[in-house]
Amino acid sequence: MRLALAASPWPVPRSRPFWPGWRFARELPGHGTDAAALQWRFVRGGVFAPRRLATAFGLLSAVSLGVAIGLWLAGVPAVRHLAAAELLLIGGALAVWSRHAGDAETITLAARELSVEHRRGRRTELAAFRAEWVRVEPAHDAQSLLELTGQGRRARVGRYLRPEWRFALAQELRDAVKHECLRPAAQDPQQETRR
């Protein structure tokens, strides 16, 4: 048996100018200040976009109606009612399921403020924290949801992230908050004009 080593097919990530090594974050340049902002966005997995869901339902309906029409022409009149009931039940189930197609968590760190937006169905929950006061801790154990606390507020994040990756997200959030707090505060343009 021989062993052969080859170069990795995965591209080597380039270091980012803001802070090297972000695994989950992406930069948002020009977010109201001179410095770039960071954003973490996690979406619910396994949910089709509404357009794809409508296309799948349309194809399923076409096949079901084609079979129903063929059987109806062959002399089975009760198939009309069964096909209609089937399409109503499947359409209703897909409508309920598609309500959560836009579920997402977005964490944004900009201008010494960490904001959390959690969209679930039609509800949106917002929480904002000063970067200097925010704490990032697991809610219960190492693989539970992350709890952001500070200034009497609390938000849990990591619902749409695999449990074994939550610790890495917690470390990344702590590093980003620490880096944001160590960065010199942006000068207010009105104070500069007064001098």
C-alpha atoms as a PDB file:
ATOM      1  CA  MET A   1       0.000   0.000   0.000  1.00  0.00           C
ATOM      2  CA  ARG A   2       1.285   3.430  -0.932  1.00  0.00           C
ATOM      3  CA  LEU A   3       0.426   6.783   0.481  1.00  0.00           C
ATOM      4  CA  ALA A   4       0.379   9.843  -1.744  1.00  0.00           C
ATOM      5  CA  LEU A   5       0.061  13.394  -0.497  1.00  0.00           C
ATOM      6  CA  ALA A   6      -1.411  16.103  -2.685  1.00  0.00           C
ATOM      7  CA  ALA A   7      -2.075  19.769  -2.256  1.00  0.00           C
ATOM      8  CA  SER A   8      -5.420  20.684  -0.749  1.00  0.00           C
ATOM      9  CA  PRO A   9      -8.144  21.504  -3.299  1.00  0.00           C
ATOM     10  CA  TRP A  10      -9.519  24.151  -0.923  1.00  0.00           C
ATOM     11  CA  PRO A  11      -8.285  27.689  -1.505  1.00  0.00           C
ATOM     12  CA  VAL A  12      -6.137  29.197   1.203  1.00  0.00           C
ATOM     13  CA  PRO A  13      -8.085  32.076   2.807  1.00  0.00           C
ATOM     14  CA  ARG A  14      -6.515  35.498   2.507  1.00  0.00           C
ATOM     15  CA  SER A  15      -6.131  37.530   5.635  1.00  0.00           C
ATOM     16  CA  ARG A  16      -8.627  40.329   5.968  1.00  0.00           C
ATOM     17  CA  PRO A  17      -7.463  43.899   6.571  1.00  0.00           C
ATOM     18  CA  PHE A  18      -9.891  44.469   9.484  1.00  0.00           C
ATOM     19  CA  TRP A  19      -8.943  41.448  11.607  1.00  0.00           C
ATOM     20  CA  PRO A  20      -7.541  38.198  10.242  1.00  0.00           C
ATOM     21  CA  GLY A  21      -9.208  34.889  10.900  1.00  0.00           C
ATOM     22  CA  TRP A  22     -12.967  35.529  10.980  1.00  0.00           C
ATOM     23  CA  ARG A  23     -14.739  32.251  10.418  1.00  0.00           C
ATOM     24  CA  PHE A  24     -18.399  33.276  10.518  1.00  0.00           C
ATOM     25  CA  ALA A  25     -18.291  37.075  10.127  1.00  0.00           C
ATOM     26  CA  ARG A  26     -18.237  39.190   7.024  1.00  0.00           C
ATOM     27  CA  GLU A  27     -17.247  42.817   6.731  1.00  0.00           C
ATOM     28  CA  LEU A  28     -19.641  45.631   5.947  1.00  0.00           C
ATOM     29  CA  PRO A  29     -17.485  48.507   4.698  1.00  0.00           C
ATOM     30  CA  GLY A  30     -18.588  52.104   5.260  1.00  0.00           C
ATOM     31  CA  HIS A  31     -21.183  51.380   7.935  1.00  0.00           C
ATOM     32  CA  GLY A  32     -21.501  54.995   9.063  1.00  0.00           C
ATOM     33  CA  THR A  33     -17.949  55.268  10.429  1.00  0.00           C
ATOM     34  CA  ASP A  34     -14.426  55.128   9.070  1.00  0.00           C
ATOM     35  CA  ALA A  35     -13.951  51.573  10.312  1.00  0.00           C
ATOM     36  CA  ALA A  36     -15.597  48.534   8.815  1.00  0.00           C
ATOM     37  CA  ALA A  37     -18.427  46.789  10.611  1.00  0.00           C
ATOM     38  CA  LEU A  38     -18.737  43.062  11.124  1.00  0.00           C
ATOM     39  CA  GLN A  39     -21.881  41.043  10.579  1.00  0.00           C
ATOM     40  CA  TRP A  40     -22.784  37.466  11.432  1.00  0.00           C
ATOM     41  CA  ARG A  41     -25.860  36.090   9.674  1.00  0.00           C
ATOM     42  CA  PHE A  42     -27.321  32.658  10.320  1.00  0.00           C
ATOM     43  CA  VAL A  43     -30.385  31.407   8.461  1.00  0.00           C
ATOM     44  CA  ARG A  44     -32.622  28.457   9.111  1.00  0.00           C
ATOM     45  CA  GLY A  45     -31.361  25.438   7.211  1.00  0.00           C
ATOM     46  CA  GLY A  46     -33.448  23.123   5.082  1.00  0.00           C
ATOM     47  CA  VAL A  47     -36.115  25.637   4.148  1.00  0.00           C
ATOM     48  CA  PHE A  48     -36.732  26.417   0.507  1.00  0.00           C
ATOM     49  CA  ALA A  49     -37.084  29.986  -0.674  1.00  0.00           C
ATOM     50  CA  PRO A  50     -40.722  30.894  -1.406  1.00  0.00           C
ATOM     51  CA  ARG A  51     -40.135  30.945  -5.173  1.00  0.00           C
ATOM     52  CA  ARG A  52     -38.637  27.436  -5.180  1.00  0.00           C
ATOM     53  CA  LEU A  53     -41.412  26.205  -2.932  1.00  0.00           C
ATOM     54  CA  ALA A  54     -44.049  27.591  -5.320  1.00  0.00           C
ATOM     55  CA  THR A  55     -42.272  25.957  -8.275  1.00  0.00           C
ATOM     56  CA  ALA A  56     -42.170  22.583  -6.483  1.00  0.00           C
ATOM     57  CA  PHE A  57     -45.862  22.881  -5.576  1.00  0.00           C
ATOM     58  CA  GLY A  58     -46.706  23.786  -9.186  1.00  0.00           C
ATOM     59  CA  LEU A  59     -44.876  20.716 -10.527  1.00  0.00           C
ATOM     60  CA  LEU A  60     -46.513  18.469  -7.921  1.00  0.00           C
ATOM     61  CA  SER A  61     -49.918  19.913  -8.796  1.00  0.00           C
ATOM     62  CA  ALA A  62     -49.373  19.367 -12.512  1.00  0.00           C
ATOM     63  CA  VAL A  63     -48.446  15.713 -11.997  1.00  0.00           C
ATOM     64  CA  SER A  64     -51.340  15.119  -9.596  1.00  0.00           C
ATOM     65  CA  LEU A  65     -53.860  16.810 -11.888  1.00  0.00           C
ATOM     66  CA  GLY A  66     -52.503  14.912 -14.893  1.00  0.00           C
ATOM     67  CA  VAL A  67     -53.042  11.584 -13.135  1.00  0.00           C
ATOM     68  CA  ALA A  68     -56.477  12.705 -11.890  1.00  0.00           C
ATOM     69  CA  ILE A  69     -57.616  13.766 -15.361  1.00  0.00           C
ATOM     70  CA  GLY A  70     -56.370  10.494 -16.846  1.00  0.00           C
ATOM     71  CA  LEU A  71     -58.272   8.445 -14.266  1.00  0.00           C
ATOM     72  CA  TRP A  72     -61.381  10.632 -14.623  1.00  0.00           C
ATOM     73  CA  LEU A  73     -61.383  10.065 -18.405  1.00  0.00           C
ATOM     74  CA  ALA A  74     -60.965   6.328 -17.741  1.00  0.00           C
ATOM     75  CA  GLY A  75     -64.195   6.338 -15.752  1.00  0.00           C
ATOM     76  CA  VAL A  76     -63.220   7.020 -12.121  1.00  0.00           C
ATOM     77  CA  PRO A  77     -65.191  10.195 -11.201  1.00  0.00           C
ATOM     78  CA  ALA A  78     -64.295  10.168  -7.488  1.00  0.00           C
ATOM     79  CA  VAL A  79     -60.653  10.937  -8.280  1.00  0.00           C
ATOM     80  CA  ARG A  80     -61.517  14.638  -8.770  1.00  0.00           C
ATOM     81  CA  HIS A  81     -62.391  15.026  -5.109  1.00  0.00           C
ATOM     82  CA  LEU A  82     -59.369  13.081  -3.913  1.00  0.00           C
ATOM     83  CA  ALA A  83     -56.981  15.128  -6.091  1.00  0.00           C
ATOM     84  CA  ALA A  84     -58.546  18.395  -4.893  1.00  0.00           C
ATOM     85  CA  ALA A  85     -58.275  17.319  -1.231  1.00  0.00           C
ATOM     86  CA  GLU A  86     -54.658  16.225  -1.765  1.00  0.00           C
ATOM     87  CA  LEU A  87     -53.663  19.546  -3.325  1.00  0.00           C
ATOM     88  CA  LEU A  88     -55.445  21.544  -0.616  1.00  0.00           C
ATOM     89  CA  LEU A  89     -53.706  19.617   2.161  1.00  0.00           C
ATOM     90  CA  ILE A  90     -50.267  19.832   0.562  1.00  0.00           C
ATOM     91  CA  GLY A  91     -50.763  23.525  -0.315  1.00  0.00           C
ATOM     92  CA  GLY A  92     -51.793  24.309   3.257  1.00  0.00           C
ATOM     93  CA  ALA A  93     -48.819  22.432   4.711  1.00  0.00           C
ATOM     94  CA  LEU A  94     -46.404  24.200   2.363  1.00  0.00           C
ATOM     95  CA  ALA A  95     -47.940  27.593   3.218  1.00  0.00           C
ATOM     96  CA  VAL A  96     -47.384  26.961   6.937  1.00  0.00           C
ATOM     97  CA  TRP A  97     -43.855  25.724   6.262  1.00  0.00           C
ATOM     98  CA  SER A  98     -42.975  28.701   4.034  1.00  0.00           C
ATOM     99  CA  ARG A  99     -43.825  31.175   6.823  1.00  0.00           C
ATOM    100  CA  HIS A 100     -40.457  30.330   8.355  1.00  0.00           C
ATOM    101  CA  ALA A 101     -38.428  30.530   5.136  1.00  0.00           C
ATOM    102  CA  GLY A 102     -37.014  33.906   6.209  1.00  0.00           C
ATOM    103  CA  ASP A 103     -36.066  32.920   9.759  1.00  0.00           C
ATOM    104  CA  ALA A 104     -32.623  34.322  10.523  1.00  0.00           C
ATOM    105  CA  GLU A 105     -30.333  35.746  13.178  1.00  0.00           C
ATOM    106  CA  THR A 106     -28.203  38.747  12.328  1.00  0.00           C
ATOM    107  CA  ILE A 107     -25.531  40.069  14.687  1.00  0.00           C
ATOM    108  CA  THR A 108     -23.879  43.359  13.719  1.00  0.00           C
ATOM    109  CA  LEU A 109     -20.901  44.985  15.430  1.00  0.00           C
ATOM    110  CA  ALA A 110     -20.356  48.595  14.391  1.00  0.00           C
ATOM    111  CA  ALA A 111     -19.393  51.818  16.139  1.00  0.00           C
ATOM    112  CA  ARG A 112     -18.991  50.091  19.504  1.00  0.00           C
ATOM    113  CA  GLU A 113     -22.500  48.698  19.389  1.00  0.00           C
ATOM    114  CA  LEU A 114     -23.484  45.044  19.071  1.00  0.00           C
ATOM    115  CA  SER A 115     -27.003  44.639  17.717  1.00  0.00           C
ATOM    116  CA  VAL A 116     -28.917  41.379  17.449  1.00  0.00           C
ATOM    117  CA  GLU A 117     -31.917  40.888  15.159  1.00  0.00           C
ATOM    118  CA  HIS A 118     -33.838  37.618  15.308  1.00  0.00           C
ATOM    119  CA  ARG A 119     -36.562  37.071  12.708  1.00  0.00           C
ATOM    120  CA  ARG A 120     -38.952  34.190  13.357  1.00  0.00           C
ATOM    121  CA  GLY A 121     -42.005  34.041  11.114  1.00  0.00           C
ATOM    122  CA  ARG A 122     -43.609  37.473  11.224  1.00  0.00           C
ATOM    123  CA  ARG A 123     -41.981  38.477  14.522  1.00  0.00           C
ATOM    124  CA  THR A 124     -38.708  40.361  14.773  1.00  0.00           C
ATOM    125  CA  GLU A 125     -36.841  40.739  18.060  1.00  0.00           C
ATOM    126  CA  LEU A 126     -34.169  43.422  18.371  1.00  0.00           C
ATOM    127  CA  ALA A 127     -31.554  43.916  21.071  1.00  0.00           C
ATOM    128  CA  ALA A 128     -28.630  46.344  21.182  1.00  0.00           C
ATOM    129  CA  PHE A 129     -25.639  46.298  23.518  1.00  0.00           C
ATOM    130  CA  ARG A 130     -22.685  48.588  24.076  1.00  0.00           C
ATOM    131  CA  ALA A 131     -19.575  46.637  23.105  1.00  0.00           C
ATOM    132  CA  GLU A 132     -17.818  47.573  26.350  1.00  0.00           C
ATOM    133  CA  TRP A 133     -20.534  45.960  28.470  1.00  0.00           C
ATOM    134  CA  VAL A 134     -21.550  42.869  26.525  1.00  0.00           C
ATOM    135  CA  ARG A 135     -20.772  39.359  27.826  1.00  0.00           C
ATOM    136  CA  VAL A 136     -20.840  36.281  25.603  1.00  0.00           C
ATOM    137  CA  GLU A 137     -21.483  33.071  27.548  1.00  0.00           C
ATOM    138  CA  PRO A 138     -23.157  29.722  26.874  1.00  0.00           C
ATOM    139  CA  ALA A 139     -26.686  29.602  28.263  1.00  0.00           C
ATOM    140  CA  HIS A 140     -26.254  26.200  29.942  1.00  0.00           C
ATOM    141  CA  ASP A 141     -23.394  24.047  28.678  1.00  0.00           C
ATOM    142  CA  ALA A 142     -20.723  24.271  25.969  1.00  0.00           C
ATOM    143  CA  GLN A 143     -23.088  23.360  23.104  1.00  0.00           C
ATOM    144  CA  SER A 144     -26.162  25.309  24.198  1.00  0.00           C
ATOM    145  CA  LEU A 145     -27.299  28.618  22.755  1.00  0.00           C
ATOM    146  CA  LEU A 146     -25.053  31.620  23.345  1.00  0.00           C
ATOM    147  CA  GLU A 147     -26.350  34.266  25.699  1.00  0.00           C
ATOM    148  CA  LEU A 148     -25.396  37.894  25.144  1.00  0.00           C
ATOM    149  CA  THR A 149     -25.962  39.986  28.253  1.00  0.00           C
ATOM    150  CA  GLY A 150     -25.275  43.561  29.183  1.00  0.00           C
ATOM    151  CA  GLN A 151     -26.969  46.669  30.526  1.00  0.00           C
ATOM    152  CA  GLY A 152     -29.889  44.639  31.850  1.00  0.00           C
ATOM    153  CA  ARG A 153     -30.669  43.132  28.426  1.00  0.00           C
ATOM    154  CA  ARG A 154     -30.352  39.572  27.261  1.00  0.00           C
ATOM    155  CA  ALA A 155     -30.412  37.871  23.843  1.00  0.00           C
ATOM    156  CA  ARG A 156     -29.813  34.270  22.861  1.00  0.00           C
ATOM    157  CA  VAL A 157     -28.157  33.491  19.546  1.00  0.00           C
ATOM    158  CA  GLY A 158     -26.953  30.421  17.688  1.00  0.00           C
ATOM    159  CA  ARG A 159     -30.296  28.746  16.954  1.00  0.00           C
ATOM    160  CA  TYR A 160     -29.415  28.160  13.308  1.00  0.00           C
ATOM    161  CA  LEU A 161     -25.838  27.078  13.919  1.00  0.00           C
ATOM    162  CA  ARG A 162     -24.689  23.531  14.577  1.00  0.00           C
ATOM    163  CA  PRO A 163     -24.156  22.948  18.322  1.00  0.00           C
ATOM    164  CA  GLU A 164     -20.504  21.964  17.923  1.00  0.00           C
ATOM    165  CA  TRP A 165     -19.752  25.303  16.212  1.00  0.00           C
ATOM    166  CA  ARG A 166     -21.294  27.504  18.909  1.00  0.00           C
ATOM    167  CA  PHE A 167     -18.126  27.575  21.003  1.00  0.00           C
ATOM    168  CA  ALA A 168     -16.170  28.846  17.974  1.00  0.00           C
ATOM    169  CA  LEU A 169     -18.822  31.526  17.413  1.00  0.00           C
ATOM    170  CA  ALA A 170     -18.574  32.575  21.064  1.00  0.00           C
ATOM    171  CA  GLN A 171     -14.788  32.934  20.766  1.00  0.00           C
ATOM    172  CA  GLU A 172     -15.156  34.913  17.542  1.00  0.00           C
ATOM    173  CA  LEU A 173     -17.733  37.261  19.071  1.00  0.00           C
ATOM    174  CA  ARG A 174     -15.532  37.810  22.142  1.00  0.00           C
ATOM    175  CA  ASP A 175     -12.492  38.550  19.954  1.00  0.00           C
ATOM    176  CA  ALA A 176     -14.473  40.959  17.761  1.00  0.00           C
ATOM    177  CA  VAL A 177     -15.936  42.814  20.748  1.00  0.00           C
ATOM    178  CA  LYS A 178     -12.500  43.033  22.372  1.00  0.00           C
ATOM    179  CA  HIS A 179     -10.976  44.336  19.136  1.00  0.00           C
ATOM    180  CA  GLU A 180     -13.783  46.879  18.751  1.00  0.00           C
ATOM    181  CA  CYS A 181     -13.286  48.118  22.328  1.00  0.00           C
ATOM    182  CA  LEU A 182      -9.516  48.487  21.852  1.00  0.00           C
ATOM    183  CA  ARG A 183      -9.944  50.485  18.649  1.00  0.00           C
ATOM    184  CA  PRO A 184      -9.778  54.259  19.203  1.00  0.00           C
ATOM    185  CA  ALA A 185     -13.186  55.901  19.185  1.00  0.00           C
ATOM    186  CA  ALA A 186     -14.111  57.752  16.003  1.00  0.00           C
ATOM    187  CA  GLN A 187     -13.885  61.510  16.307  1.00  0.00           C
ATOM    188  CA  ASP A 188     -17.122  63.434  16.133  1.00  0.00           C
ATOM    189  CA  PRO A 189     -17.017  65.770  13.083  1.00  0.00           C
ATOM    190  CA  GLN A 190     -18.747  68.552  15.080  1.00  0.00           C
ATOM    191  CA  GLN A 191     -16.035  68.501  17.739  1.00  0.00           C
ATOM    192  CA  GLU A 192     -13.328  68.829  15.065  1.00  0.00           C
ATOM    193  CA  THR A 193     -14.978  71.921  13.573  1.00  0.00           C
ATOM    194  CA  ARG A 194     -15.152  73.595  17.005  1.00  0.00           C
ATOM    195  CA  ARG A 195     -11.384  73.468  17.473  1.00  0.00           C
END
